[in-house]
Amino acid sequence: MSLLNLIRKHTESLYDGRCIITEFDSQEGLINNTVATVVAEDIPCRVSYKSIPHSEQTATATAVTQSIKLFLSPDITVKAGSQIIVTQNGVTTAYKASGEPAVYVSHQEVELVLKERWA
């Protein structure tokens, strides 16, 4: 087994969550012009939090924000703007991908944004 395969195997052994990836594509003839399509299910992953959640006060409510990164196999395609639902440590949370993933030999990293929630 090559060194890169060993590194990848070790990295994937740290995945303690599962995710579902949904893409939104345009389709003619629809009123809102988008269709949600699940492109990957039951994918091993790991969510890492860069900071403790904080609140942002607006005129009408308090928005909850947090800096979050998803780690998963480089074999999975994640498009910017996808919805990703992660179950980790018994908690299921919906996110939206904020941008293009950073793909490495052993894994990929996707910056996530919580779907809008209000405190």
Protein backbone atom coordinates (compact mmCIF):
# COMPACT_ATOMS: atom_id res chain seq x y z
CA MET A 1 0.00 0.00 0.00
CA SER A 2 1.42 3.39 -0.98
CA LEU A 3 2.06 6.18 1.49
CA LEU A 4 -0.72 8.30 -0.04
CA ASN A 5 -3.19 5.43 0.40
CA LEU A 6 -2.13 5.05 4.04
CA ILE A 7 -2.62 8.78 4.64
CA ARG A 8 -6.04 8.67 3.00
CA LYS A 9 -7.07 5.59 4.98
CA HIS A 10 -6.03 7.27 8.24
CA THR A 11 -7.85 10.50 7.34
CA GLU A 12 -11.04 8.61 6.49
CA SER A 13 -10.84 6.69 9.79
CA LEU A 14 -11.50 10.03 11.52
CA TYR A 15 -14.87 10.51 9.79
CA ASP A 16 -17.59 10.13 12.43
CA GLY A 17 -20.54 11.62 10.54
CA ARG A 18 -22.67 10.91 7.49
CA CYS A 19 -23.97 13.39 4.95
CA ILE A 20 -26.51 13.82 2.17
CA ILE A 21 -25.63 16.20 -0.68
CA THR A 22 -28.41 17.88 -2.66
CA GLU A 23 -27.86 20.06 -5.73
CA PHE A 24 -30.27 22.63 -7.14
CA ASP A 25 -30.50 22.77 -10.92
CA SER A 26 -32.49 25.01 -13.25
CA GLN A 27 -35.33 23.47 -15.18
CA GLU A 28 -37.52 25.16 -17.74
CA GLY A 29 -41.24 25.32 -17.20
CA LEU A 30 -41.13 25.52 -13.41
CA ILE A 31 -42.37 28.55 -11.50
CA ASN A 32 -39.31 28.80 -9.23
CA ASN A 33 -37.08 27.34 -11.99
CA THR A 34 -35.10 24.99 -9.69
CA VAL A 35 -35.24 21.30 -8.88
CA ALA A 36 -33.55 19.70 -5.87
CA THR A 37 -31.69 16.48 -6.69
CA VAL A 38 -29.96 14.27 -4.12
CA VAL A 39 -26.58 13.43 -5.70
CA ALA A 40 -24.95 11.52 -2.81
CA GLU A 41 -26.28 9.82 0.33
CA ASP A 42 -24.77 8.21 3.42
CA ILE A 43 -21.32 9.67 2.69
CA PRO A 44 -18.77 9.36 5.53
CA CYS A 45 -17.59 12.81 6.65
CA ARG A 46 -16.50 14.97 9.55
CA VAL A 47 -17.58 18.48 10.51
CA SER A 48 -15.08 20.79 12.17
CA TYR A 49 -16.03 24.06 13.87
CA LYS A 50 -13.58 26.95 13.57
CA SER A 51 -15.22 29.09 16.21
CA ILE A 52 -17.84 29.04 18.91
CA PRO A 53 -21.29 30.10 17.64
CA HIS A 54 -22.16 33.72 18.07
CA SER A 55 -25.29 35.75 17.43
CA GLU A 56 -25.72 38.72 15.15
CA GLN A 57 -28.50 41.12 16.11
CA THR A 58 -30.62 42.54 13.31
CA ALA A 59 -33.61 44.89 13.48
CA THR A 60 -36.09 41.98 13.53
CA ALA A 61 -34.25 38.95 14.95
CA THR A 62 -30.94 37.47 16.00
CA ALA A 63 -29.16 35.46 13.28
CA VAL A 64 -26.99 32.56 14.47
CA THR A 65 -23.70 32.20 12.55
CA GLN A 66 -20.67 29.91 12.81
CA SER A 67 -17.57 29.05 10.80
CA ILE A 68 -17.81 25.39 9.74
CA LYS A 69 -15.72 23.07 7.55
CA LEU A 70 -16.71 19.66 6.15
CA PHE A 71 -14.09 16.98 5.48
CA LEU A 72 -14.91 14.11 3.11
CA SER A 73 -13.47 11.88 0.41
CA PRO A 74 -11.97 13.60 -2.65
CA ASP A 75 -13.98 11.16 -4.81
CA ILE A 76 -17.27 12.94 -4.01
CA THR A 77 -18.30 15.91 -6.16
CA VAL A 78 -19.61 18.89 -4.18
CA LYS A 79 -20.77 21.88 -6.21
CA ALA A 80 -20.87 25.38 -4.77
CA GLY A 81 -24.37 26.14 -3.49
CA SER A 82 -25.25 22.52 -2.68
CA GLN A 83 -27.28 21.73 0.41
CA ILE A 84 -25.54 19.30 2.75
CA ILE A 85 -27.29 17.60 5.63
CA VAL A 86 -24.86 16.14 8.18
CA THR A 87 -25.56 13.74 11.02
CA GLN A 88 -22.68 13.66 13.49
CA ASN A 89 -22.68 12.73 17.18
CA GLY A 90 -26.43 12.11 17.01
CA VAL A 91 -27.22 15.62 15.75
CA THR A 92 -28.55 16.33 12.24
CA THR A 93 -27.91 19.80 10.81
CA ALA A 94 -28.60 21.34 7.38
CA TYR A 95 -25.92 23.47 5.73
CA LYS A 96 -25.33 25.13 2.41
CA ALA A 97 -21.92 24.96 0.73
CA SER A 98 -20.46 28.44 0.53
CA GLY A 99 -17.97 27.85 -2.24
CA GLU A 100 -15.82 25.47 -4.24
CA PRO A 101 -14.17 22.68 -2.24
CA ALA A 102 -10.42 22.47 -1.69
CA VAL A 103 -9.54 19.00 -3.00
CA TYR A 104 -6.40 17.20 -1.80
CA VAL A 105 -5.06 13.68 -2.42
CA SER A 106 -6.31 12.40 0.95
CA HIS A 107 -9.52 14.43 1.42
CA GLN A 108 -11.44 17.54 0.46
CA GLU A 109 -12.54 20.48 2.59
CA VAL A 110 -15.80 22.36 2.00
CA GLU A 111 -16.65 25.58 3.80
CA LEU A 112 -20.24 25.40 5.02
CA VAL A 113 -22.82 27.93 6.14
CA LEU A 114 -25.70 27.07 8.43
CA LYS A 115 -29.01 27.29 6.63
CA GLU A 116 -30.74 30.37 8.04
CA ARG A 117 -31.73 29.88 11.66
CA TRP A 118 -32.96 32.44 14.10
CA ALA A 119 -32.37 32.53 17.86
